[in-house]
Amino acid sequence: MELSDAEVDRIFRALADQTRRDIMRRVLTEEAAVSDLAAGYDMTFAAVQKHVAVLEEAGLVTKRPRGRQRIVRGEPDRIRLAQHLLARYENIWRARIDRLDALLDDTKGS
């Protein structure tokens, strides 16, 4: 599956924030209630809910009801898509370095 530019923007905007990256780390390990997540930060419950909403909009987490709680679960497949995108950029970069190395080797041989 290929990500649209808008999806890529949402993913990287979501991951640009330290708190959201920490939430991702936590919910990829095991799902957690929003209230349990909020207890781990020096911010309001509403602020943590907003962070979770940004992650949810990016498709990085899903939220489902369990009684009165909302359970947050990480979506590793979405992370994998972002990882593939970064790998493509890395391949482009490595190819440029390889071309530069080849050019330098040709220059040395001349």
Protein backbone atom coordinates (compact mmCIF):
# COMPACT_ATOMS: atom_id res chain seq x y z
CA MET A 1 0.00 0.00 0.00
CA GLU A 2 1.30 3.42 -0.97
CA LEU A 3 0.77 6.41 1.32
CA SER A 4 -0.59 9.65 -0.09
CA ASP A 5 1.33 12.86 0.54
CA ALA A 6 -1.36 13.93 3.03
CA GLU A 7 -1.03 10.64 4.94
CA VAL A 8 2.75 10.98 5.07
CA ASP A 9 2.37 14.54 6.36
CA ARG A 10 -0.03 13.40 9.10
CA ILE A 11 2.24 10.55 10.20
CA PHE A 12 5.38 12.64 10.46
CA ARG A 13 3.56 15.57 12.03
CA ALA A 14 2.20 13.17 14.64
CA LEU A 15 5.62 11.67 15.30
CA ALA A 16 7.33 15.08 15.46
CA ASP A 17 6.15 15.53 19.05
CA GLN A 18 8.03 13.89 21.94
CA THR A 19 4.88 13.13 23.96
CA ARG A 20 3.21 11.46 20.99
CA ARG A 21 6.31 9.38 20.30
CA ASP A 22 6.27 8.28 23.93
CA ILE A 23 2.57 7.41 23.72
CA MET A 24 3.36 5.35 20.61
CA ARG A 25 6.14 3.52 22.44
CA ARG A 26 3.76 2.71 25.26
CA VAL A 27 0.80 1.54 23.18
CA LEU A 28 2.90 -0.49 20.77
CA THR A 29 4.09 -2.47 23.79
CA GLU A 30 0.58 -2.95 25.17
CA GLU A 31 -2.77 -1.23 24.78
CA ALA A 32 -3.70 1.30 27.44
CA ALA A 33 -6.64 3.39 28.56
CA VAL A 34 -6.37 7.09 27.80
CA SER A 35 -6.70 7.75 31.55
CA ASP A 36 -3.72 5.45 32.25
CA LEU A 37 -1.70 7.21 29.57
CA ALA A 38 -2.62 10.61 31.03
CA ALA A 39 -1.39 9.55 34.47
CA GLY A 40 2.13 9.30 33.07
CA TYR A 41 2.40 12.92 31.95
CA ASP A 42 2.48 16.29 33.64
CA MET A 43 -0.44 17.59 31.58
CA THR A 44 -4.19 17.49 31.66
CA PHE A 45 -6.27 14.53 30.59
CA ALA A 46 -7.68 16.70 27.79
CA ALA A 47 -4.17 17.45 26.51
CA VAL A 48 -3.33 13.74 26.39
CA GLN A 49 -6.63 13.09 24.60
CA LYS A 50 -5.61 15.65 21.97
CA HIS A 51 -2.26 13.91 21.49
CA VAL A 52 -4.06 10.58 21.08
CA ALA A 53 -6.45 12.20 18.58
CA VAL A 54 -3.51 13.39 16.44
CA LEU A 55 -2.05 9.87 16.48
CA GLU A 56 -5.46 8.41 15.63
CA GLU A 57 -5.94 10.84 12.74
CA ALA A 58 -2.58 9.69 11.37
CA GLY A 59 -3.68 6.06 11.67
CA LEU A 60 -0.90 5.29 14.13
CA VAL A 61 -3.29 4.23 16.90
CA THR A 62 -6.85 3.03 17.18
CA LYS A 63 -9.19 3.77 20.05
CA ARG A 64 -12.04 1.54 21.15
CA PRO A 65 -14.46 1.68 24.04
CA ARG A 66 -14.17 -0.72 26.97
CA GLY A 67 -16.88 0.15 29.43
CA ARG A 68 -16.32 3.78 30.39
CA GLN A 69 -12.73 3.80 29.22
CA ARG A 70 -11.24 4.36 25.78
CA ILE A 71 -8.49 1.86 25.03
CA VAL A 72 -5.64 2.95 22.76
CA ARG A 73 -3.69 0.44 20.70
CA GLY A 74 -0.70 1.06 18.44
CA GLU A 75 -0.93 0.14 14.77
CA PRO A 76 2.41 -1.46 13.82
CA ASP A 77 1.39 -1.86 10.17
CA ARG A 78 1.11 1.93 9.85
CA ILE A 79 4.54 2.35 11.41
CA ARG A 80 5.84 -0.19 8.93
CA LEU A 81 4.51 1.90 6.02
CA ALA A 82 6.36 4.95 7.34
CA GLN A 83 9.47 2.82 7.78
CA HIS A 84 9.27 1.72 4.13
CA LEU A 85 9.03 5.33 3.04
CA LEU A 86 12.13 6.22 5.05
CA ALA A 87 13.93 3.19 3.60
CA ARG A 88 13.24 4.49 0.09
CA TYR A 89 14.82 7.83 1.02
CA GLU A 90 17.78 5.98 2.52
CA ASN A 91 18.21 4.00 -0.71
CA ILE A 92 18.25 7.22 -2.73
CA TRP A 93 20.87 8.65 -0.39
CA ARG A 94 23.00 5.49 -0.49
CA ALA A 95 22.85 5.42 -4.30
CA ARG A 96 24.13 9.00 -4.42
CA ILE A 97 26.99 8.12 -2.05
CA ASP A 98 27.83 5.07 -4.18
CA ARG A 99 27.93 7.25 -7.31
CA LEU A 100 30.17 9.74 -5.54
CA ASP A 101 32.49 6.93 -4.39
CA ALA A 102 32.66 5.60 -7.96
CA LEU A 103 33.44 9.08 -9.28
CA LEU A 104 36.21 9.52 -6.72
CA ASP A 105 37.64 6.10 -7.58
CA ASP A 106 37.63 7.04 -11.29
CA THR A 107 39.37 10.31 -10.47
CA LYS A 108 42.07 8.51 -8.46
CA GLY A 109 42.64 6.05 -11.29
CA SER A 110 43.15 8.79 -13.88
